[in-house]
Amino acid sequence: MGNVHSDSISPVRYLATVIVMVVLCSACTRVDDPIAAGVDSADQDVALYLQSMLQSARAMQNSGLVRGRLGMAYDVNGFRNEALATYAQAEALDPKDFFWPYFSALLIAEAGEYELALVALERALAIDANYSPALLAQGNWLLKIDRPDDAMIAFEHVLDMDGSPAATFGRARVMIARGEHVQAVKLLEHLVERMSHPYIYRTLGEVLRELGQMDQANVALALGKNALPLKWPDEYWDQRMAHVRGSASYNRAKLLSASDRVYEAMSILERLQGHHPEEECGREQEFFLACNLLNSFSIAYDRVGLSGRALETVQRGLSINPDFIPFHLTSANLYRQQRDLESALTHLERAIELNPARGYAHEQRGRVLYGLQRYEDAKVALETALLYDPAKRTTLFYLGLAELEKDKWPQAVERFERVVQLEPGFALGHLFLARSLGEVGRLEEARQAQGNARQYGAEPAELRITEIRLRELEFGR
């Protein structure tokens, strides 16, 4: 028969085939031993947690729930093949539990094996045919394999249940796949009034472009620039995240903190600090995660309004490891919020001294120097930042402001033109471009830029200031 696991068959496809065999054998009397993985991980937080989950699975050999939880722990901590095999074991132990074929389907789809994912998903939907996130996934995967009519059935099922905007978006994508562009545009235009998501705007822009409506397409595409695919809430999927450990849980804590779920983030940071205490921040070999935890605590305190505690925490970090660059960057941000720009500048200059090739630090230094009205120094810092990231919109924008403060209008025009090329939907970029164009006598172009600023949502007060100046320039001419 030869080697089944050959180079021509992906590991996920091979494993998914094995899963089908395991599930078909769900009536067999022998219970497979739990699969062991990660228990020797160098990350103690991961290793200890997986050891405890594995012990529970061995103690309760016949429990599909316990076996499935082990699979969830493998899944979210990066042991994907072991997770798939363990989900199959859980499904064999309890064929009536929706979770295990559903999670198998999600994992298989992540590898791009949509046809196999749909096979697993069918088993889940046979248990619960009305779980909206599963039906949305089904519709999307069916579109991936060019089955738009079947996808439409899945999306309409969701719409019948809860009127989900994600299902409406799915219907629009089916129309696009069928070539029904005019109908898709009507649906998408109605949808963006309910749900102003960049990915919907991008999709609308692409369809409008296909129809040759370029002005409207450009506006929609600008609003959808760099859009990430549309996602929808999935309470079952979220249950897996309770099992995240180690560096993966640190990354999750950062995401939670940035999403204003700060107290959830802090509970994860506190658990991790039990494995990586503050004193490790001063050790040459073990400093990285311990220092990052301290820095993340400081950021989290700031986000919940405890700026004093935030500064105290990062200063404690600096007393342990004064050469850890993120401490200096966080300190600079905290001092800048307090309008102590000189202290902010001191920390940014120390960060640059430690690593001169960090564009972000040069940009932040330029912005602080701008705040100190040291415009020539700000220009030098910002131009240095551009060497490391030539297409950074914020750097170019502040460079434009620095040129504007020195009345170097042609240079300001050049900077702001580049800004709106990089981000066509950036209202302030259009606004300052209008001001700069007006000062060099290009009033017709200035009016057009002013119109763009208004269209993209510039503040009315800012628009009035620019309008008054353009009128003065027009009458002066």
Protein backbone atom coordinates (compact mmCIF):
# COMPACT_ATOMS: atom_id res chain seq x y z
CA MET A 1 0.00 0.00 0.00
CA GLY A 2 3.03 2.29 0.44
CA ASN A 3 3.46 5.26 2.76
CA VAL A 4 0.03 6.84 3.27
CA HIS A 5 1.53 9.97 4.87
CA SER A 6 3.41 10.96 1.69
CA ASP A 7 4.47 14.45 0.59
CA SER A 8 1.43 14.58 -1.71
CA ILE A 9 -0.99 14.45 1.24
CA SER A 10 -1.05 17.29 3.75
CA PRO A 11 -0.68 16.34 7.44
CA VAL A 12 -4.11 17.84 8.17
CA ARG A 13 -5.77 15.93 5.30
CA TYR A 14 -4.16 12.69 6.47
CA LEU A 15 -5.16 13.30 10.09
CA ALA A 16 -8.71 14.26 9.11
CA THR A 17 -9.03 10.95 7.29
CA VAL A 18 -7.86 9.14 10.43
CA ILE A 19 -10.46 11.10 12.44
CA VAL A 20 -13.24 9.78 10.21
CA MET A 21 -12.01 6.23 10.90
CA VAL A 22 -11.91 6.90 14.66
CA VAL A 23 -15.44 8.34 14.64
CA LEU A 24 -16.77 5.43 12.62
CA CYS A 25 -15.32 3.17 15.31
CA SER A 26 -17.18 5.00 18.08
CA ALA A 27 -19.05 1.81 18.90
CA CYS A 28 -15.80 -0.11 19.57
CA THR A 29 -15.37 -1.20 23.17
CA ARG A 30 -11.66 -0.30 23.57
CA VAL A 31 -10.95 3.24 24.79
CA ASP A 32 -7.76 4.78 23.41
CA ASP A 33 -5.27 6.25 25.84
CA PRO A 34 -5.08 10.06 25.86
CA ILE A 35 -2.45 11.53 23.57
CA ALA A 36 0.45 13.17 25.44
CA ALA A 37 2.02 16.37 24.14
CA GLY A 38 3.71 19.48 25.54
CA VAL A 39 4.35 18.08 29.01
CA ASP A 40 8.10 18.59 28.53
CA SER A 41 7.73 22.14 27.19
CA ALA A 42 10.39 24.63 28.25
CA ASP A 43 7.51 26.99 29.09
CA GLN A 44 6.61 25.91 32.63
CA ASP A 45 3.17 27.50 32.45
CA VAL A 46 2.30 25.35 29.42
CA ALA A 47 3.95 22.17 30.72
CA LEU A 48 2.29 22.21 34.15
CA TYR A 49 -1.15 22.94 32.73
CA LEU A 50 -0.99 20.21 30.08
CA GLN A 51 0.31 17.74 32.68
CA SER A 52 -2.72 18.43 34.88
CA MET A 53 -5.15 18.13 31.94
CA LEU A 54 -3.52 14.88 30.82
CA GLN A 55 -3.74 13.45 34.34
CA SER A 56 -7.47 14.23 34.42
CA ALA A 57 -7.98 12.54 31.04
CA ARG A 58 -6.14 9.43 32.24
CA ALA A 59 -8.13 9.36 35.48
CA MET A 60 -11.45 9.62 33.58
CA GLN A 61 -10.73 7.50 30.51
CA ASN A 62 -14.38 7.21 29.47
CA SER A 63 -15.28 10.92 29.71
CA GLY A 64 -15.71 12.60 26.36
CA LEU A 65 -15.90 16.00 28.07
CA VAL A 66 -12.56 15.62 29.86
CA ARG A 67 -10.92 14.26 26.70
CA GLY A 68 -12.35 17.16 24.70
CA ARG A 69 -11.02 19.70 27.19
CA LEU A 70 -7.58 18.16 26.75
CA GLY A 71 -8.05 18.68 23.00
CA MET A 72 -8.98 22.33 23.61
CA ALA A 73 -5.80 22.79 25.68
CA TYR A 74 -3.70 21.32 22.87
CA ASP A 75 -5.59 23.38 20.28
CA VAL A 76 -5.02 26.85 21.73
CA ASN A 77 -1.44 26.16 22.85
CA GLY A 78 -0.22 25.26 19.39
CA PHE A 79 -0.40 21.45 19.35
CA ARG A 80 -2.85 21.34 16.45
CA ASN A 81 -2.36 17.77 15.20
CA GLU A 82 -2.62 16.40 18.74
CA ALA A 83 -5.73 18.53 19.23
CA LEU A 84 -7.41 17.08 16.11
CA ALA A 85 -6.66 13.53 17.18
CA THR A 86 -7.89 14.24 20.72
CA TYR A 87 -11.11 15.83 19.45
CA ALA A 88 -11.66 12.63 17.46
CA GLN A 89 -11.22 10.58 20.64
CA ALA A 90 -13.69 12.83 22.47
CA GLU A 91 -16.20 12.50 19.64
CA ALA A 92 -15.84 8.71 19.71
CA LEU A 93 -16.43 8.72 23.48
CA ASP A 94 -19.46 11.03 23.21
CA PRO A 95 -20.90 11.15 19.66
CA LYS A 96 -23.77 13.42 20.79
CA ASP A 97 -21.58 16.35 21.87
CA PHE A 98 -21.63 19.17 19.30
CA PHE A 99 -18.31 20.65 20.45
CA TRP A 100 -15.86 18.04 19.22
CA PRO A 101 -16.80 17.73 15.54
CA TYR A 102 -17.30 21.51 15.46
CA PHE A 103 -13.83 22.23 16.86
CA SER A 104 -12.36 19.63 14.49
CA ALA A 105 -13.99 21.43 11.58
CA LEU A 106 -12.57 24.81 12.67
CA LEU A 107 -9.06 23.39 12.95
CA ILE A 108 -9.22 21.62 9.61
CA ALA A 109 -10.49 24.82 7.93
CA GLU A 110 -7.55 26.79 9.36
CA ALA A 111 -5.31 24.59 7.20
CA GLY A 112 -7.38 25.42 4.12
CA GLU A 113 -8.92 21.94 3.82
CA TYR A 114 -12.47 23.24 3.41
CA GLU A 115 -14.04 20.12 1.93
CA LEU A 116 -12.79 18.02 4.86
CA ALA A 117 -13.84 20.75 7.29
CA LEU A 118 -17.36 20.61 5.86
CA VAL A 119 -17.48 16.84 6.47
CA ALA A 120 -16.72 17.39 10.17
CA LEU A 121 -19.13 20.32 10.31
CA GLU A 122 -21.96 18.19 8.92
CA ARG A 123 -21.54 15.85 11.89
CA ALA A 124 -21.79 18.85 14.26
CA LEU A 125 -24.85 20.28 12.51
CA ALA A 126 -26.54 16.87 12.69
CA ILE A 127 -26.44 17.39 16.48
CA ASP A 128 -27.40 21.10 16.48
CA ALA A 129 -28.61 22.52 13.17
CA ASN A 130 -29.30 25.99 14.59
CA TYR A 131 -25.96 27.22 15.92
CA SER A 132 -25.48 30.41 13.90
CA PRO A 133 -21.65 30.62 13.95
CA ALA A 134 -21.46 27.06 12.58
CA LEU A 135 -23.87 27.91 9.78
CA LEU A 136 -21.92 31.08 8.96
CA ALA A 137 -18.74 29.01 8.79
CA GLN A 138 -20.52 26.51 6.55
CA GLY A 139 -21.63 29.26 4.18
CA ASN A 140 -18.15 30.75 3.98
CA TRP A 141 -16.46 27.40 3.37
CA LEU A 142 -18.99 26.50 0.68
CA LEU A 143 -18.14 29.77 -1.06
CA LYS A 144 -14.45 28.83 -0.83
CA ILE A 145 -15.09 25.64 -2.82
CA ASP A 146 -17.34 27.38 -5.37
CA ARG A 147 -20.74 26.19 -4.16
CA PRO A 148 -22.59 29.54 -3.90
CA ASP A 149 -26.12 28.10 -4.08
CA ASP A 150 -25.48 25.81 -1.10
CA ALA A 151 -23.80 28.70 0.71
CA MET A 152 -26.93 30.82 0.21
CA ILE A 153 -29.02 28.16 1.97
CA ALA A 154 -26.73 28.35 5.03
CA PHE A 155 -26.78 32.16 5.16
CA GLU A 156 -30.56 32.34 4.73
CA HIS A 157 -31.00 29.82 7.56
CA VAL A 158 -29.11 32.22 9.84
CA LEU A 159 -31.14 35.20 8.63
CA ASP A 160 -34.37 33.34 9.40
CA MET A 161 -33.15 32.82 12.97
CA ASP A 162 -31.54 36.10 14.02
CA GLY A 163 -31.06 38.49 11.07
CA SER A 164 -27.28 38.48 11.54
CA PRO A 165 -25.39 41.19 9.56
CA ALA A 166 -22.70 38.56 8.93
CA ALA A 167 -25.32 36.43 7.15
CA THR A 168 -26.46 39.44 5.10
CA PHE A 169 -22.83 39.99 4.11
CA GLY A 170 -22.65 36.31 3.20
CA ARG A 171 -25.67 36.70 0.92
CA ALA A 172 -23.98 39.66 -0.78
CA ARG A 173 -20.85 37.58 -1.38
CA VAL A 174 -22.99 34.82 -2.89
CA MET A 175 -24.48 37.39 -5.28
CA ILE A 176 -20.97 38.50 -6.23
CA ALA A 177 -19.97 34.89 -6.89
CA ARG A 178 -23.03 34.54 -9.15
CA GLY A 179 -22.15 37.74 -11.02
CA GLU A 180 -25.17 39.62 -9.61
CA HIS A 181 -23.16 42.77 -8.90
CA VAL A 182 -25.96 45.33 -8.98
CA GLN A 183 -28.01 43.37 -6.42
CA ALA A 184 -24.88 42.89 -4.27
CA VAL A 185 -24.20 46.65 -4.24
CA LYS A 186 -27.74 47.41 -3.02
CA LEU A 187 -27.38 44.88 -0.22
CA LEU A 188 -23.91 46.12 0.78
CA GLU A 189 -24.95 49.79 0.75
CA HIS A 190 -27.83 48.96 3.06
CA LEU A 191 -25.53 46.87 5.25
CA VAL A 192 -22.90 49.57 5.84
CA GLU A 193 -25.63 51.77 7.29
CA ARG A 194 -26.14 49.10 9.99
CA MET A 195 -22.56 47.88 10.40
CA SER A 196 -19.73 50.23 9.38
CA HIS A 197 -17.02 47.55 9.05
CA PRO A 198 -13.92 48.23 6.87
CA TYR A 199 -14.11 44.80 5.21
CA ILE A 200 -17.68 45.46 4.07
CA TYR A 201 -16.58 48.81 2.64
CA ARG A 202 -13.70 47.12 0.84
CA THR A 203 -16.00 44.51 -0.66
CA LEU A 204 -18.43 47.23 -1.73
CA GLY A 205 -15.57 49.16 -3.33
CA GLU A 206 -14.40 46.12 -5.27
CA VAL A 207 -17.90 45.49 -6.66
CA LEU A 208 -18.37 49.16 -7.57
CA ARG A 209 -15.05 49.04 -9.38
CA GLU A 210 -16.26 46.01 -11.35
CA LEU A 211 -19.31 48.08 -12.35
CA GLY A 212 -17.09 50.97 -13.47
CA GLN A 213 -18.34 53.39 -10.77
CA MET A 214 -14.83 54.56 -9.92
CA ASP A 215 -15.54 57.66 -7.79
CA GLN A 216 -17.83 55.73 -5.43
CA ALA A 217 -15.47 52.75 -5.53
CA ASN A 218 -12.49 54.86 -4.45
CA VAL A 219 -14.39 56.27 -1.47
CA ALA A 220 -15.46 52.79 -0.33
CA LEU A 221 -11.99 51.32 -0.88
CA ALA A 222 -10.44 54.14 1.14
CA LEU A 223 -12.79 53.39 4.03
CA GLY A 224 -11.87 49.72 3.72
CA LYS A 225 -8.10 50.09 3.45
CA ASN A 226 -6.13 47.35 5.25
CA ALA A 227 -9.40 45.73 6.36
CA LEU A 228 -9.29 42.37 8.11
CA PRO A 229 -11.92 39.75 7.22
CA LEU A 230 -15.26 40.01 8.97
CA LYS A 231 -15.58 37.91 12.12
CA TRP A 232 -18.62 37.10 14.21
CA PRO A 233 -19.10 36.19 17.89
CA ASP A 234 -18.75 32.50 18.69
CA GLU A 235 -19.33 31.67 22.35
CA TYR A 236 -18.31 28.03 21.86
CA TRP A 237 -15.02 28.97 20.22
CA ASP A 238 -14.33 31.45 23.02
CA GLN A 239 -14.51 28.63 25.58
CA ARG A 240 -11.28 27.23 24.17
CA MET A 241 -9.42 30.40 25.17
CA ALA A 242 -9.77 29.55 28.87
CA HIS A 243 -7.06 26.93 28.24
CA VAL A 244 -4.43 29.29 26.78
CA ARG A 245 -1.13 29.19 28.64
CA GLY A 246 2.48 30.39 28.28
CA SER A 247 3.56 32.85 25.61
CA ALA A 248 0.23 32.35 23.82
CA SER A 249 -1.61 33.55 26.92
CA TYR A 250 0.71 36.55 27.18
CA ASN A 251 -0.20 37.51 23.61
CA ARG A 252 -3.87 37.00 24.47
CA ALA A 253 -3.51 39.26 27.51
CA LYS A 254 -2.08 42.01 25.29
CA LEU A 255 -5.00 41.66 22.89
CA LEU A 256 -7.53 41.76 25.73
CA SER A 257 -5.87 44.84 27.21
CA ALA A 258 -5.89 46.63 23.86
CA SER A 259 -9.59 45.73 23.48
CA ASP A 260 -10.51 47.38 26.82
CA ARG A 261 -10.94 44.01 28.53
CA VAL A 262 -8.18 45.08 30.87
CA TYR A 263 -9.17 43.21 34.02
CA GLU A 264 -9.32 39.91 32.11
CA ALA A 265 -5.86 40.70 30.78
CA MET A 266 -4.54 41.44 34.26
CA SER A 267 -5.77 38.12 35.64
CA ILE A 268 -3.71 36.35 32.95
CA LEU A 269 -0.68 38.54 33.67
CA GLU A 270 -0.94 37.75 37.38
CA ARG A 271 -0.99 34.01 36.67
CA LEU A 272 2.02 34.29 34.39
CA GLN A 273 3.90 36.33 36.96
CA GLY A 274 3.64 33.34 39.28
CA HIS A 275 5.94 31.52 36.83
CA HIS A 276 8.04 34.58 35.90
CA PRO A 277 8.38 36.79 39.02
CA GLU A 278 9.69 40.34 38.88
CA GLU A 279 13.19 39.40 40.04
CA GLU A 280 13.70 37.40 36.82
CA CYS A 281 13.64 40.72 34.97
CA GLY A 282 17.14 41.35 36.30
CA ARG A 283 18.55 37.95 35.30
CA GLU A 284 20.53 37.74 32.12
CA GLN A 285 18.98 34.50 30.85
CA GLU A 286 15.36 34.84 32.03
CA PHE A 287 14.64 38.55 31.77
CA PHE A 288 12.44 38.77 28.68
CA LEU A 289 8.99 37.55 29.74
CA ALA A 290 9.35 38.80 33.32
CA CYS A 291 10.19 42.31 32.06
CA ASN A 292 7.40 42.20 29.48
CA LEU A 293 4.91 41.26 32.20
CA LEU A 294 5.92 44.28 34.27
CA ASN A 295 5.65 46.53 31.25
CA SER A 296 2.23 45.12 30.34
CA PHE A 297 1.02 45.65 33.90
CA SER A 298 2.06 49.30 33.62
CA ILE A 299 0.15 49.72 30.35
CA ALA A 300 -2.90 47.97 31.83
CA TYR A 301 -2.92 50.24 34.91
CA ASP A 302 -2.77 53.27 32.63
CA ARG A 303 -5.72 51.98 30.58
CA VAL A 304 -7.93 51.71 33.67
CA GLY A 305 -7.02 55.23 34.78
CA LEU A 306 -4.38 54.36 37.40
CA SER A 307 -1.63 56.48 35.84
CA GLY A 308 0.25 56.87 39.13
CA ARG A 309 0.41 53.13 39.64
CA ALA A 310 1.37 52.68 35.99
CA LEU A 311 4.36 55.00 36.40
CA GLU A 312 5.33 53.37 39.70
CA THR A 313 5.28 49.93 38.06
CA VAL A 314 7.43 50.89 35.08
CA GLN A 315 9.86 52.74 37.34
CA ARG A 316 10.20 49.56 39.42
CA GLY A 317 10.96 47.73 36.21
CA LEU A 318 13.66 50.25 35.33
CA SER A 319 15.21 49.85 38.77
CA ILE A 320 15.51 46.09 38.07
CA ASN A 321 16.57 46.30 34.42
CA PRO A 322 17.42 49.85 33.24
CA ASP A 323 18.35 48.60 29.74
CA PHE A 324 14.98 47.07 28.83
CA ILE A 325 13.84 49.32 25.97
CA PRO A 326 10.03 48.86 26.36
CA PHE A 327 10.28 50.34 29.88
CA HIS A 328 11.68 53.56 28.40
CA LEU A 329 9.04 53.68 25.65
CA THR A 330 6.21 53.15 28.16
CA SER A 331 7.71 55.74 30.52
CA ALA A 332 7.88 58.23 27.67
CA ASN A 333 4.23 57.68 26.84
CA LEU A 334 3.16 58.12 30.48
CA TYR A 335 5.19 61.34 30.87
CA ARG A 336 3.83 62.69 27.59
CA GLN A 337 0.28 62.15 28.87
CA GLN A 338 1.22 64.22 31.91
CA ARG A 339 2.62 66.93 29.57
CA ASP A 340 6.10 66.35 31.03
CA LEU A 341 7.68 66.36 27.58
CA GLU A 342 11.26 66.81 28.80
CA SER A 343 11.08 63.60 30.85
CA ALA A 344 9.46 61.82 27.92
CA LEU A 345 12.30 63.00 25.68
CA THR A 346 14.93 61.71 28.14
CA HIS A 347 13.47 58.19 28.01
CA LEU A 348 13.12 58.19 24.22
CA GLU A 349 16.73 59.28 23.81
CA ARG A 350 17.82 56.47 26.13
CA ALA A 351 15.78 53.97 24.10
CA ILE A 352 17.49 55.18 20.91
CA GLU A 353 20.89 54.97 22.59
CA LEU A 354 20.15 51.31 23.44
CA ASN A 355 18.92 50.55 19.91
CA PRO A 356 19.43 53.25 17.25
CA ALA A 357 17.74 51.10 14.57
CA ARG A 358 14.26 51.32 16.07
CA GLY A 359 12.11 53.54 13.86
CA TYR A 360 9.26 53.77 16.37
CA ALA A 361 11.51 55.41 18.99
CA HIS A 362 12.72 58.01 16.46
CA GLU A 363 9.14 58.78 15.46
CA GLN A 364 8.04 59.21 19.08
CA ARG A 365 11.03 61.45 19.73
CA GLY A 366 10.06 63.56 16.73
CA ARG A 367 6.51 63.93 18.00
CA VAL A 368 7.72 64.99 21.46
CA LEU A 369 10.14 67.50 19.91
CA TYR A 370 7.24 68.86 17.86
CA GLY A 371 5.29 69.31 21.11
CA LEU A 372 8.29 71.21 22.51
CA GLN A 373 8.17 73.46 19.41
CA ARG A 374 11.65 72.31 18.38
CA TYR A 375 10.53 71.91 14.79
CA GLU A 376 13.91 71.53 13.07
CA ASP A 377 14.98 68.86 15.58
CA ALA A 378 11.60 67.19 15.14
CA LYS A 379 12.15 67.08 11.36
CA VAL A 380 15.55 65.39 11.77
CA ALA A 381 14.08 62.77 14.13
CA LEU A 382 11.09 62.08 11.90
CA GLU A 383 13.25 61.84 8.77
CA THR A 384 15.43 59.33 10.62
CA ALA A 385 12.29 57.34 11.47
CA LEU A 386 11.40 57.26 7.76
CA LEU A 387 14.69 55.52 7.00
CA TYR A 388 13.39 52.51 8.93
CA ASP A 389 9.74 52.73 7.82
CA PRO A 390 9.42 54.87 4.67
CA ALA A 391 5.66 54.44 4.36
CA LYS A 392 4.58 55.23 7.92
CA ARG A 393 1.60 57.55 7.69
CA THR A 394 1.92 59.08 11.17
CA THR A 395 5.60 59.91 10.64
CA LEU A 396 4.86 61.65 7.34
CA PHE A 397 1.92 63.50 8.89
CA TYR A 398 4.03 64.97 11.70
CA LEU A 399 6.74 65.85 9.20
CA GLY A 400 4.10 67.78 7.28
CA LEU A 401 3.07 69.58 10.47
CA ALA A 402 6.69 70.48 11.19
CA GLU A 403 7.08 71.91 7.66
CA LEU A 404 3.82 73.84 8.12
CA GLU A 405 5.07 75.40 11.38
CA LYS A 406 8.15 76.67 9.52
CA ASP A 407 5.98 78.04 6.67
CA LYS A 408 7.65 75.64 4.23
CA TRP A 409 4.45 75.17 2.27
CA PRO A 410 5.73 73.29 -0.82
CA GLN A 411 7.44 70.74 1.41
CA ALA A 412 4.26 70.45 3.52
CA VAL A 413 2.22 69.81 0.36
CA GLU A 414 4.61 67.03 -0.61
CA ARG A 415 4.33 65.38 2.82
CA PHE A 416 0.52 65.59 3.02
CA GLU A 417 0.09 64.37 -0.56
CA ARG A 418 2.08 61.29 0.42
CA VAL A 419 -0.04 60.88 3.57
CA VAL A 420 -3.34 60.75 1.64
CA GLN A 421 -1.82 58.45 -0.96
CA LEU A 422 -1.00 55.99 1.83
CA GLU A 423 -4.36 56.40 3.58
CA PRO A 424 -6.99 57.98 1.31
CA GLY A 425 -9.60 57.99 4.08
CA PHE A 426 -7.49 60.00 6.58
CA ALA A 427 -9.53 63.19 7.05
CA LEU A 428 -6.83 65.25 8.79
CA GLY A 429 -4.40 64.45 5.99
CA HIS A 430 -6.78 65.97 3.43
CA LEU A 431 -7.48 68.93 5.71
CA PHE A 432 -3.83 69.93 6.14
CA LEU A 433 -3.20 69.24 2.46
CA ALA A 434 -5.97 71.76 1.69
CA ARG A 435 -4.33 74.36 3.95
CA SER A 436 -0.91 73.80 2.43
CA LEU A 437 -2.19 73.87 -1.17
CA GLY A 438 -3.99 77.12 -0.44
CA GLU A 439 -0.79 78.75 0.83
CA VAL A 440 1.05 77.93 -2.41
CA GLY A 441 -1.78 79.34 -4.52
CA ARG A 442 -3.24 76.04 -5.74
CA LEU A 443 -6.73 77.03 -4.63
CA GLU A 444 -8.76 74.77 -6.89
CA GLU A 445 -6.85 71.72 -5.64
CA ALA A 446 -7.18 73.05 -2.09
CA ARG A 447 -10.98 73.16 -2.47
CA GLN A 448 -10.95 69.55 -3.69
CA ALA A 449 -8.83 68.47 -0.71
CA GLN A 450 -11.17 70.37 1.62
CA GLY A 451 -14.12 68.49 0.10
CA ASN A 452 -12.31 65.21 0.68
CA ALA A 453 -11.67 66.16 4.31
CA ARG A 454 -15.38 66.89 4.77
CA GLN A 455 -16.38 63.61 3.07
CA TYR A 456 -14.09 61.57 5.31
CA GLY A 457 -15.42 63.12 8.52
CA ALA A 458 -13.10 65.96 9.53
CA GLU A 459 -14.17 67.96 12.58
CA PRO A 460 -16.52 70.87 11.66
CA ALA A 461 -14.42 73.35 13.66
CA GLU A 462 -11.27 72.35 11.76
CA LEU A 463 -13.13 72.60 8.46
CA ARG A 464 -14.31 76.14 9.33
CA ILE A 465 -10.76 77.28 10.14
CA THR A 466 -9.50 75.98 6.80
CA GLU A 467 -12.48 77.45 4.95
CA ILE A 468 -11.84 80.91 6.42
CA ARG A 469 -8.17 80.77 5.47
CA LEU A 470 -8.94 79.63 1.91
CA ARG A 471 -11.37 82.53 1.51
CA GLU A 472 -8.76 84.98 2.79
CA LEU A 473 -6.24 83.61 0.30
CA GLU A 474 -8.81 83.73 -2.52
CA PHE A 475 -9.76 87.36 -1.85
CA GLY A 476 -6.12 88.29 -1.34
CA ARG A 477 -5.28 86.88 -4.72
